[in-house]
Amino acid sequence: MNIWIAIGATALGCYAVKLAGLLVPAGVLERPVVRRLAALLPVALLAALTAQQTFADGRALVLDARAAGLAAAAVALVLRAPFLVVVGAAVVVTAGVRALGG
């Protein structure tokens, strides 16, 4: 029964956040600070998620094949490769490092 309480509370919380976003006056959303924050926040959250998933294993920091794949993706991005090439490079390098025992 506790799981259903958690699901219900989460659903209500999501609805409340969505409702709060809809109730914000348009004048507030037009402010330059709010616009800049709205543009930068998703990038920062995605970067934090990528770093956490790449360099963390539970409560310890690790440097393994995932880091090599991320480095390969970064190089492909610097070379302005298409998105599928970036993902493919990361996959191939990560698999290669794991196959070599890393």
PDB file of N, CA and C in Angstrom:
ATOM      1  N   MET A   1       0.812  -1.194   0.000  1.00  0.00           N
ATOM      2  CA  MET A   1       0.000   0.000   0.000  1.00  0.00           C
ATOM      3  C   MET A   1       0.859   1.264   0.000  1.00  0.00           C
ATOM      4  N   ASN A   2       2.039   1.219   0.612  1.00  0.00           N
ATOM      5  CA  ASN A   2       2.900   2.393   0.662  1.00  0.00           C
ATOM      6  C   ASN A   2       3.347   2.846  -0.722  1.00  0.00           C
ATOM      7  N   ILE A   3       3.493   1.902  -1.649  1.00  0.00           N
ATOM      8  CA  ILE A   3       3.927   2.265  -2.991  1.00  0.00           C
ATOM      9  C   ILE A   3       2.874   3.115  -3.686  1.00  0.00           C
ATOM     10  N   TRP A   4       1.594   2.816  -3.453  1.00  0.00           N
ATOM     11  CA  TRP A   4       0.525   3.601  -4.073  1.00  0.00           C
ATOM     12  C   TRP A   4       0.433   5.001  -3.475  1.00  0.00           C
ATOM     13  N   ILE A   5       0.756   5.121  -2.226  1.00  0.00           N
ATOM     14  CA  ILE A   5       0.792   6.457  -1.609  1.00  0.00           C
ATOM     15  C   ILE A   5       1.909   7.276  -2.250  1.00  0.00           C
ATOM     16  N   ALA A   6       3.065   6.648  -2.468  1.00  0.00           N
ATOM     17  CA  ALA A   6       4.186   7.344  -3.109  1.00  0.00           C
ATOM     18  C   ALA A   6       3.845   7.726  -4.542  1.00  0.00           C
ATOM     19  N   ILE A   7       3.186   6.838  -5.268  1.00  0.00           N
ATOM     20  CA  ILE A   7       2.792   7.139  -6.651  1.00  0.00           C
ATOM     21  C   ILE A   7       1.790   8.293  -6.672  1.00  0.00           C
ATOM     22  N   GLY A   8       0.807   8.253  -5.775  1.00  0.00           N
ATOM     23  CA  GLY A   8      -0.179   9.330  -5.704  1.00  0.00           C
ATOM     24  C   GLY A   8       0.453  10.660  -5.331  1.00  0.00           C
ATOM     25  N   ALA A   9       1.353  10.653  -4.366  1.00  0.00           N
ATOM     26  CA  ALA A   9       2.023  11.889  -3.952  1.00  0.00           C
ATOM     27  C   ALA A   9       2.877  12.451  -5.087  1.00  0.00           C
ATOM     28  N   THR A  10       3.542  11.574  -5.810  1.00  0.00           N
ATOM     29  CA  THR A  10       4.359  12.019  -6.938  1.00  0.00           C
ATOM     30  C   THR A  10       3.486  12.612  -8.037  1.00  0.00           C
ATOM     31  N   ALA A  11       2.368  11.972  -8.326  1.00  0.00           N
ATOM     32  CA  ALA A  11       1.457  12.488  -9.348  1.00  0.00           C
ATOM     33  C   ALA A  11       0.916  13.861  -8.950  1.00  0.00           C
ATOM     34  N   LEU A  12       0.510  14.013  -7.695  1.00  0.00           N
ATOM     35  CA  LEU A  12       0.023  15.309  -7.223  1.00  0.00           C
ATOM     36  C   LEU A  12       1.111  16.376  -7.278  1.00  0.00           C
ATOM     37  N   GLY A  13       2.333  15.979  -6.918  1.00  0.00           N
ATOM     38  CA  GLY A  13       3.454  16.921  -6.977  1.00  0.00           C
ATOM     39  C   GLY A  13       3.741  17.380  -8.396  1.00  0.00           C
ATOM     40  N   CYS A  14       3.717  16.445  -9.335  1.00  0.00           N
ATOM     41  CA  CYS A  14       3.937  16.805 -10.751  1.00  0.00           C
ATOM     42  C   CYS A  14       2.850  17.742 -11.243  1.00  0.00           C
ATOM     43  N   TYR A  15       1.619  17.453 -10.878  1.00  0.00           N
ATOM     44  CA  TYR A  15       0.512  18.315 -11.286  1.00  0.00           C
ATOM     45  C   TYR A  15       0.665  19.709 -10.677  1.00  0.00           C
ATOM     46  N   ALA A  16       1.063  19.776  -9.414  1.00  0.00           N
ATOM     47  CA  ALA A  16       1.230  21.070  -8.748  1.00  0.00           C
ATOM     48  C   ALA A  16       2.341  21.893  -9.407  1.00  0.00           C
ATOM     49  N   VAL A  17       3.429  21.256  -9.784  1.00  0.00           N
ATOM     50  CA  VAL A  17       4.517  21.972 -10.447  1.00  0.00           C
ATOM     51  C   VAL A  17       4.059  22.484 -11.811  1.00  0.00           C
ATOM     52  N   LYS A  18       3.349  21.653 -12.554  1.00  0.00           N
ATOM     53  CA  LYS A  18       2.823  22.067 -13.860  1.00  0.00           C
ATOM     54  C   LYS A  18       1.855  23.239 -13.697  1.00  0.00           C
ATOM     55  N   LEU A  19       0.964  23.167 -12.717  1.00  0.00           N
ATOM     56  CA  LEU A  19       0.006  24.234 -12.464  1.00  0.00           C
ATOM     57  C   LEU A  19       0.719  25.523 -12.058  1.00  0.00           C
ATOM     58  N   ALA A  20       1.740  25.401 -11.227  1.00  0.00           N
ATOM     59  CA  ALA A  20       2.493  26.584 -10.813  1.00  0.00           C
ATOM     60  C   ALA A  20       3.140  27.259 -12.022  1.00  0.00           C
ATOM     61  N   GLY A  21       3.655  26.463 -12.962  1.00  0.00           N
ATOM     62  CA  GLY A  21       4.257  27.023 -14.162  1.00  0.00           C
ATOM     63  C   GLY A  21       3.248  27.747 -15.026  1.00  0.00           C
ATOM     64  N   LEU A  22       2.029  27.233 -15.077  1.00  0.00           N
ATOM     65  CA  LEU A  22       0.996  27.880 -15.880  1.00  0.00           C
ATOM     66  C   LEU A  22       0.456  29.151 -15.235  1.00  0.00           C
ATOM     67  N   LEU A  23       0.568  29.265 -13.922  1.00  0.00           N
ATOM     68  CA  LEU A  23       0.045  30.425 -13.209  1.00  0.00           C
ATOM     69  C   LEU A  23       1.019  31.597 -13.133  1.00  0.00           C
ATOM     70  N   VAL A  24       2.253  31.412 -13.615  1.00  0.00           N
ATOM     71  CA  VAL A  24       3.234  32.494 -13.585  1.00  0.00           C
ATOM     72  C   VAL A  24       2.797  33.576 -14.571  1.00  0.00           C
ATOM     73  N   PRO A  25       2.748  34.825 -14.140  1.00  0.00           N
ATOM     74  CA  PRO A  25       2.333  35.913 -15.042  1.00  0.00           C
ATOM     75  C   PRO A  25       3.307  36.064 -16.218  1.00  0.00           C
ATOM     76  N   ALA A  26       2.782  36.468 -17.360  1.00  0.00           N
ATOM     77  CA  ALA A  26       3.594  36.610 -18.571  1.00  0.00           C
ATOM     78  C   ALA A  26       4.699  37.658 -18.398  1.00  0.00           C
ATOM     79  N   GLY A  27       4.428  38.673 -17.588  1.00  0.00           N
ATOM     80  CA  GLY A  27       5.434  39.714 -17.362  1.00  0.00           C
ATOM     81  C   GLY A  27       6.692  39.182 -16.710  1.00  0.00           C
ATOM     82  N   VAL A  28       6.530  38.214 -15.842  1.00  0.00           N
ATOM     83  CA  VAL A  28       7.697  37.618 -15.177  1.00  0.00           C
ATOM     84  C   VAL A  28       8.531  36.838 -16.187  1.00  0.00           C
ATOM     85  N   LEU A  29       7.869  36.148 -17.103  1.00  0.00           N
ATOM     86  CA  LEU A  29       8.575  35.321 -18.078  1.00  0.00           C
ATOM     87  C   LEU A  29       9.322  36.144 -19.121  1.00  0.00           C
ATOM     88  N   GLU A  30       8.964  37.412 -19.274  1.00  0.00           N
ATOM     89  CA  GLU A  30       9.613  38.263 -20.265  1.00  0.00           C
ATOM     90  C   GLU A  30      10.878  38.939 -19.742  1.00  0.00           C
ATOM     91  N   ARG A  31      11.163  38.816 -18.469  1.00  0.00           N
ATOM     92  CA  ARG A  31      12.361  39.438 -17.902  1.00  0.00           C
ATOM     93  C   ARG A  31      13.613  38.778 -18.484  1.00  0.00           C
ATOM     94  N   PRO A  32      14.662  39.577 -18.757  1.00  0.00           N
ATOM     95  CA  PRO A  32      15.889  39.017 -19.349  1.00  0.00           C
ATOM     96  C   PRO A  32      16.554  37.956 -18.468  1.00  0.00           C
ATOM     97  N   VAL A  33      16.530  38.146 -17.167  1.00  0.00           N
ATOM     98  CA  VAL A  33      17.155  37.172 -16.268  1.00  0.00           C
ATOM     99  C   VAL A  33      16.438  35.828 -16.351  1.00  0.00           C
ATOM    100  N   VAL A  34      15.120  35.861 -16.390  1.00  0.00           N
ATOM    101  CA  VAL A  34      14.344  34.624 -16.467  1.00  0.00           C
ATOM    102  C   VAL A  34      14.567  33.941 -17.811  1.00  0.00           C
ATOM    103  N   ARG A  35      14.624  34.704 -18.877  1.00  0.00           N
ATOM    104  CA  ARG A  35      14.879  34.121 -20.204  1.00  0.00           C
ATOM    105  C   ARG A  35      16.254  33.464 -20.256  1.00  0.00           C
ATOM    106  N   ARG A  36      17.246  34.137 -19.708  1.00  0.00           N
ATOM    107  CA  ARG A  36      18.604  33.574 -19.726  1.00  0.00           C
ATOM    108  C   ARG A  36      18.676  32.317 -18.870  1.00  0.00           C
ATOM    109  N   LEU A  37      18.044  32.341 -17.727  1.00  0.00           N
ATOM    110  CA  LEU A  37      18.020  31.159 -16.863  1.00  0.00           C
ATOM    111  C   LEU A  37      17.313  29.998 -17.552  1.00  0.00           C
ATOM    112  N   ALA A  38      16.215  30.281 -18.224  1.00  0.00           N
ATOM    113  CA  ALA A  38      15.476  29.233 -18.931  1.00  0.00           C
ATOM    114  C   ALA A  38      16.298  28.644 -20.070  1.00  0.00           C
ATOM    115  N   ALA A  39      17.179  29.428 -20.660  1.00  0.00           N
ATOM    116  CA  ALA A  39      18.017  28.929 -21.743  1.00  0.00           C
ATOM    117  C   ALA A  39      19.192  28.104 -21.222  1.00  0.00           C
ATOM    118  N   LEU A  40      19.735  28.477 -20.067  1.00  0.00           N
ATOM    119  CA  LEU A  40      20.937  27.824 -19.557  1.00  0.00           C
ATOM    120  C   LEU A  40      20.672  26.641 -18.629  1.00  0.00           C
ATOM    121  N   LEU A  41      19.536  26.629 -17.965  1.00  0.00           N
ATOM    122  CA  LEU A  41      19.255  25.586 -16.980  1.00  0.00           C
ATOM    123  C   LEU A  41      19.208  24.177 -17.571  1.00  0.00           C
ATOM    124  N   PRO A  42      18.559  23.939 -18.707  1.00  0.00           N
ATOM    125  CA  PRO A  42      18.564  22.574 -19.251  1.00  0.00           C
ATOM    126  C   PRO A  42      19.961  22.077 -19.608  1.00  0.00           C
ATOM    127  N   VAL A  43      20.811  22.964 -20.108  1.00  0.00           N
ATOM    128  CA  VAL A  43      22.179  22.575 -20.452  1.00  0.00           C
ATOM    129  C   VAL A  43      22.947  22.177 -19.199  1.00  0.00           C
ATOM    130  N   ALA A  44      22.796  22.943 -18.146  1.00  0.00           N
ATOM    131  CA  ALA A  44      23.496  22.638 -16.894  1.00  0.00           C
ATOM    132  C   ALA A  44      23.001  21.326 -16.289  1.00  0.00           C
ATOM    133  N   LEU A  45      21.699  21.103 -16.323  1.00  0.00           N
ATOM    134  CA  LEU A  45      21.158  19.854 -15.779  1.00  0.00           C
ATOM    135  C   LEU A  45      21.616  18.646 -16.581  1.00  0.00           C
ATOM    136  N   LEU A  46      21.655  18.753 -17.897  1.00  0.00           N
ATOM    137  CA  LEU A  46      22.115  17.651 -18.731  1.00  0.00           C
ATOM    138  C   LEU A  46      23.600  17.384 -18.516  1.00  0.00           C
ATOM    139  N   ALA A  47      24.394  18.428 -18.374  1.00  0.00           N
ATOM    140  CA  ALA A  47      25.822  18.248 -18.107  1.00  0.00           C
ATOM    141  C   ALA A  47      26.048  17.574 -16.755  1.00  0.00           C
ATOM    142  N   ALA A  48      25.288  17.973 -15.750  1.00  0.00           N
ATOM    143  CA  ALA A  48      25.421  17.345 -14.434  1.00  0.00           C
ATOM    144  C   ALA A  48      25.010  15.882 -14.474  1.00  0.00           C
ATOM    145  N   LEU A  49      23.942  15.576 -15.182  1.00  0.00           N
ATOM    146  CA  LEU A  49      23.502  14.191 -15.303  1.00  0.00           C
ATOM    147  C   LEU A  49      24.532  13.346 -16.039  1.00  0.00           C
ATOM    148  N   THR A  50      25.099  13.883 -17.111  1.00  0.00           N
ATOM    149  CA  THR A  50      26.133  13.165 -17.857  1.00  0.00           C
ATOM    150  C   THR A  50      27.355  12.903 -16.985  1.00  0.00           C
ATOM    151  N   ALA A  51      27.796  13.894 -16.251  1.00  0.00           N
ATOM    152  CA  ALA A  51      28.959  13.723 -15.380  1.00  0.00           C
ATOM    153  C   ALA A  51      28.679  12.698 -14.289  1.00  0.00           C
ATOM    154  N   GLN A  52      27.502  12.746 -13.704  1.00  0.00           N
ATOM    155  CA  GLN A  52      27.171  11.807 -12.636  1.00  0.00           C
ATOM    156  C   GLN A  52      27.102  10.375 -13.163  1.00  0.00           C
ATOM    157  N   GLN A  53      26.502  10.189 -14.323  1.00  0.00           N
ATOM    158  CA  GLN A  53      26.379   8.848 -14.889  1.00  0.00           C
ATOM    159  C   GLN A  53      27.717   8.321 -15.406  1.00  0.00           C
ATOM    160  N   THR A  54      28.630   9.207 -15.774  1.00  0.00           N
ATOM    161  CA  THR A  54      29.910   8.780 -16.332  1.00  0.00           C
ATOM    162  C   THR A  54      30.950   8.498 -15.256  1.00  0.00           C
ATOM    163  N   PHE A  55      31.024   9.336 -14.254  1.00  0.00           N
ATOM    164  CA  PHE A  55      32.121   9.257 -13.301  1.00  0.00           C
ATOM    165  C   PHE A  55      31.732   8.744 -11.922  1.00  0.00           C
ATOM    166  N   ALA A  56      30.502   8.302 -11.726  1.00  0.00           N
ATOM    167  CA  ALA A  56      30.077   7.841 -10.403  1.00  0.00           C
ATOM    168  C   ALA A  56      29.618   6.394 -10.467  1.00  0.00           C
ATOM    169  N   ASP A  57      29.951   5.672  -9.423  1.00  0.00           N
ATOM    170  CA  ASP A  57      29.481   4.300  -9.260  1.00  0.00           C
ATOM    171  C   ASP A  57      29.076   4.160  -7.793  1.00  0.00           C
ATOM    172  N   GLY A  58      27.805   4.375  -7.539  1.00  0.00           N
ATOM    173  CA  GLY A  58      27.364   4.399  -6.145  1.00  0.00           C
ATOM    174  C   GLY A  58      27.859   5.664  -5.484  1.00  0.00           C
ATOM    175  N   ARG A  59      28.698   5.506  -4.485  1.00  0.00           N
ATOM    176  CA  ARG A  59      29.237   6.670  -3.771  1.00  0.00           C
ATOM    177  C   ARG A  59      30.698   6.925  -4.095  1.00  0.00           C
ATOM    178  N   ALA A  60      31.246   6.227  -5.097  1.00  0.00           N
ATOM    179  CA  ALA A  60      32.660   6.368  -5.433  1.00  0.00           C
ATOM    180  C   ALA A  60      32.817   6.957  -6.836  1.00  0.00           C
ATOM    181  N   LEU A  61      33.894   7.695  -7.004  1.00  0.00           N
ATOM    182  CA  LEU A  61      34.235   8.204  -8.326  1.00  0.00           C
ATOM    183  C   LEU A  61      35.046   7.147  -9.058  1.00  0.00           C
ATOM    184  N   VAL A  62      34.755   6.950 -10.340  1.00  0.00           N
ATOM    185  CA  VAL A  62      35.460   5.946 -11.132  1.00  0.00           C
ATOM    186  C   VAL A  62      35.899   6.560 -12.453  1.00  0.00           C
ATOM    187  N   LEU A  63      36.939   5.984 -13.008  1.00  0.00           N
ATOM    188  CA  LEU A  63      37.422   6.376 -14.321  1.00  0.00           C
ATOM    189  C   LEU A  63      37.560   5.098 -15.129  1.00  0.00           C
ATOM    190  N   ASP A  64      36.548   4.807 -15.956  1.00  0.00           N
ATOM    191  CA  ASP A  64      36.535   3.550 -16.685  1.00  0.00           C
ATOM    192  C   ASP A  64      36.215   3.788 -18.153  1.00  0.00           C
ATOM    193  N   ALA A  65      35.679   2.785 -18.813  1.00  0.00           N
ATOM    194  CA  ALA A  65      35.405   2.856 -20.248  1.00  0.00           C
ATOM    195  C   ALA A  65      34.396   3.947 -20.588  1.00  0.00           C
ATOM    196  N   ARG A  66      33.505   4.250 -19.671  1.00  0.00           N
ATOM    197  CA  ARG A  66      32.524   5.307 -19.940  1.00  0.00           C
ATOM    198  C   ARG A  66      33.201   6.654 -20.156  1.00  0.00           C
ATOM    199  N   ALA A  67      34.273   6.911 -19.403  1.00  0.00           N
ATOM    200  CA  ALA A  67      35.002   8.169 -19.559  1.00  0.00           C
ATOM    201  C   ALA A  67      35.672   8.234 -20.927  1.00  0.00           C
ATOM    202  N   ALA A  68      36.203   7.110 -21.397  1.00  0.00           N
ATOM    203  CA  ALA A  68      36.807   7.081 -22.730  1.00  0.00           C
ATOM    204  C   ALA A  68      35.756   7.336 -23.809  1.00  0.00           C
ATOM    205  N   GLY A  69      34.574   6.762 -23.643  1.00  0.00           N
ATOM    206  CA  GLY A  69      33.487   7.016 -24.590  1.00  0.00           C
ATOM    207  C   GLY A  69      33.062   8.468 -24.586  1.00  0.00           C
ATOM    208  N   LEU A  70      32.997   9.062 -23.413  1.00  0.00           N
ATOM    209  CA  LEU A  70      32.639  10.482 -23.322  1.00  0.00           C
ATOM    210  C   LEU A  70      33.701  11.347 -23.987  1.00  0.00           C
ATOM    211  N   ALA A  71      34.968  10.994 -23.803  1.00  0.00           N
ATOM    212  CA  ALA A  71      36.048  11.736 -24.455  1.00  0.00           C
ATOM    213  C   ALA A  71      35.954  11.616 -25.974  1.00  0.00           C
ATOM    214  N   ALA A  72      35.638  10.418 -26.464  1.00  0.00           N
ATOM    215  CA  ALA A  72      35.481  10.229 -27.910  1.00  0.00           C
ATOM    216  C   ALA A  72      34.313  11.066 -28.444  1.00  0.00           C
ATOM    217  N   ALA A  73      33.229  11.111 -27.703  1.00  0.00           N
ATOM    218  CA  ALA A  73      32.092  11.930 -28.109  1.00  0.00           C
ATOM    219  C   ALA A  73      32.464  13.412 -28.115  1.00  0.00           C
ATOM    220  N   ALA A  74      33.229  13.840 -27.136  1.00  0.00           N
ATOM    221  CA  ALA A  74      33.651  15.242 -27.077  1.00  0.00           C
ATOM    222  C   ALA A  74      34.528  15.593 -28.282  1.00  0.00           C
ATOM    223  N   VAL A  75      35.436  14.696 -28.647  1.00  0.00           N
ATOM    224  CA  VAL A  75      36.286  14.935 -29.817  1.00  0.00           C
ATOM    225  C   VAL A  75      35.433  15.008 -31.082  1.00  0.00           C
ATOM    226  N   ALA A  76      34.471  14.099 -31.207  1.00  0.00           N
ATOM    227  CA  ALA A  76      33.595  14.124 -32.381  1.00  0.00           C
ATOM    228  C   ALA A  76      32.780  15.419 -32.432  1.00  0.00           C
ATOM    229  N   LEU A  77      32.355  15.915 -31.271  1.00  0.00           N
ATOM    230  CA  LEU A  77      31.621  17.183 -31.248  1.00  0.00           C
ATOM    231  C   LEU A  77      32.504  18.359 -31.651  1.00  0.00           C
ATOM    232  N   VAL A  78      33.747  18.349 -31.181  1.00  0.00           N
ATOM    233  CA  VAL A  78      34.671  19.420 -31.550  1.00  0.00           C
ATOM    234  C   VAL A  78      34.921  19.411 -33.056  1.00  0.00           C
ATOM    235  N   LEU A  79      34.935  18.216 -33.641  1.00  0.00           N
ATOM    236  CA  LEU A  79      35.127  18.099 -35.093  1.00  0.00           C
ATOM    237  C   LEU A  79      33.836  18.338 -35.870  1.00  0.00           C
ATOM    238  N   ARG A  80      32.767  18.703 -35.170  1.00  0.00           N
ATOM    239  CA  ARG A  80      31.459  19.020 -35.751  1.00  0.00           C
ATOM    240  C   ARG A  80      30.845  17.847 -36.497  1.00  0.00           C
ATOM    241  N   ALA A  81      30.978  16.661 -35.941  1.00  0.00           N
ATOM    242  CA  ALA A  81      30.385  15.467 -36.537  1.00  0.00           C
ATOM    243  C   ALA A  81      28.874  15.467 -36.301  1.00  0.00           C
ATOM    244  N   PRO A  82      28.130  14.798 -37.176  1.00  0.00           N
ATOM    245  CA  PRO A  82      26.684  14.668 -36.947  1.00  0.00           C
ATOM    246  C   PRO A  82      26.395  13.877 -35.675  1.00  0.00           C
ATOM    247  N   PHE A  83      25.186  14.054 -35.154  1.00  0.00           N
ATOM    248  CA  PHE A  83      24.834  13.451 -33.867  1.00  0.00           C
ATOM    249  C   PHE A  83      25.008  11.936 -33.862  1.00  0.00           C
ATOM    250  N   LEU A  84      24.572  11.263 -34.908  1.00  0.00           N
ATOM    251  CA  LEU A  84      24.700   9.801 -34.943  1.00  0.00           C
ATOM    252  C   LEU A  84      26.161   9.362 -34.959  1.00  0.00           C
ATOM    253  N   VAL A  85      27.027  10.134 -35.582  1.00  0.00           N
ATOM    254  CA  VAL A  85      28.460   9.817 -35.573  1.00  0.00           C
ATOM    255  C   VAL A  85      29.025  10.005 -34.171  1.00  0.00           C
ATOM    256  N   VAL A  86      28.577  11.032 -33.482  1.00  0.00           N
ATOM    257  CA  VAL A  86      29.026  11.276 -32.105  1.00  0.00           C
ATOM    258  C   VAL A  86      28.633  10.098 -31.211  1.00  0.00           C
ATOM    259  N   VAL A  87      27.385   9.686 -31.300  1.00  0.00           N
ATOM    260  CA  VAL A  87      26.915   8.562 -30.494  1.00  0.00           C
ATOM    261  C   VAL A  87      27.647   7.292 -30.892  1.00  0.00           C
ATOM    262  N   GLY A  88      27.808   7.072 -32.182  1.00  0.00           N
ATOM    263  CA  GLY A  88      28.520   5.876 -32.650  1.00  0.00           C
ATOM    264  C   GLY A  88      29.955   5.841 -32.176  1.00  0.00           C
ATOM    265  N   ALA A  89      30.633   6.973 -32.211  1.00  0.00           N
ATOM    266  CA  ALA A  89      32.016   7.025 -31.733  1.00  0.00           C
ATOM    267  C   ALA A  89      32.090   6.686 -30.248  1.00  0.00           C
ATOM    268  N   ALA A  90      31.180   7.217 -29.478  1.00  0.00           N
ATOM    269  CA  ALA A  90      31.163   6.922 -28.039  1.00  0.00           C
ATOM    270  C   ALA A  90      30.917   5.442 -27.785  1.00  0.00           C
ATOM    271  N   VAL A  91      29.988   4.858 -28.530  1.00  0.00           N
ATOM    272  CA  VAL A  91      29.665   3.438 -28.351  1.00  0.00           C
ATOM    273  C   VAL A  91      30.849   2.566 -28.729  1.00  0.00           C
ATOM    274  N   VAL A  92      31.450   2.840 -29.874  1.00  0.00           N
ATOM    275  CA  VAL A  92      32.577   2.019 -30.350  1.00  0.00           C
ATOM    276  C   VAL A  92      33.763   2.114 -29.403  1.00  0.00           C
ATOM    277  N   VAL A  93      34.098   3.306 -28.969  1.00  0.00           N
ATOM    278  CA  VAL A  93      35.249   3.468 -28.063  1.00  0.00           C
ATOM    279  C   VAL A  93      34.965   2.810 -26.713  1.00  0.00           C
ATOM    280  N   THR A  94      33.774   2.999 -26.174  1.00  0.00           N
ATOM    281  CA  THR A  94      33.433   2.372 -24.891  1.00  0.00           C
ATOM    282  C   THR A  94      33.495   0.865 -25.009  1.00  0.00           C
ATOM    283  N   ALA A  95      32.926   0.300 -26.059  1.00  0.00           N
ATOM    284  CA  ALA A  95      32.958  -1.155 -26.252  1.00  0.00           C
ATOM    285  C   ALA A  95      34.386  -1.647 -26.464  1.00  0.00           C
ATOM    286  N   GLY A  96      35.169  -0.892 -27.196  1.00  0.00           N
ATOM    287  CA  GLY A  96      36.560  -1.281 -27.417  1.00  0.00           C
ATOM    288  C   GLY A  96      37.369  -1.307 -26.141  1.00  0.00           C
ATOM    289  N   VAL A  97      37.211  -0.286 -25.313  1.00  0.00           N
ATOM    290  CA  VAL A  97      37.940  -0.247 -24.040  1.00  0.00           C
ATOM    291  C   VAL A  97      37.504  -1.383 -23.130  1.00  0.00           C
ATOM    292  N   ARG A  98      36.195  -1.663 -23.102  1.00  0.00           N
ATOM    293  CA  ARG A  98      35.707  -2.776 -22.283  1.00  0.00           C
ATOM    294  C   ARG A  98      36.209  -4.110 -22.800  1.00  0.00           C
ATOM    295  N   ALA A  99      36.301  -4.256 -24.122  1.00  0.00           N
ATOM    296  CA  ALA A  99      36.794  -5.512 -24.704  1.00  0.00           C
ATOM    297  C   ALA A  99      38.267  -5.721 -24.404  1.00  0.00           C
ATOM    298  N   LEU A 100      39.008  -4.623 -24.288  1.00  0.00           N
ATOM    299  CA  LEU A 100      40.432  -4.730 -23.978  1.00  0.00           C
ATOM    300  C   LEU A 100      40.677  -4.912 -22.479  1.00  0.00           C
ATOM    301  N   GLY A 101      39.628  -4.940 -21.724  1.00  0.00           N
ATOM    302  CA  GLY A 101      39.775  -5.200 -20.295  1.00  0.00           C
ATOM    303  C   GLY A 101      39.729  -3.983 -19.412  1.00  0.00           C
ATOM    304  N   GLY A 102      39.344  -2.866 -19.944  1.00  0.00           N
ATOM    305  CA  GLY A 102      39.308  -1.649 -19.144  1.00  0.00           C
ATOM    306  C   GLY A 102      37.997  -1.476 -18.585  1.00  0.00           C
TER     307      GLY A 102
END
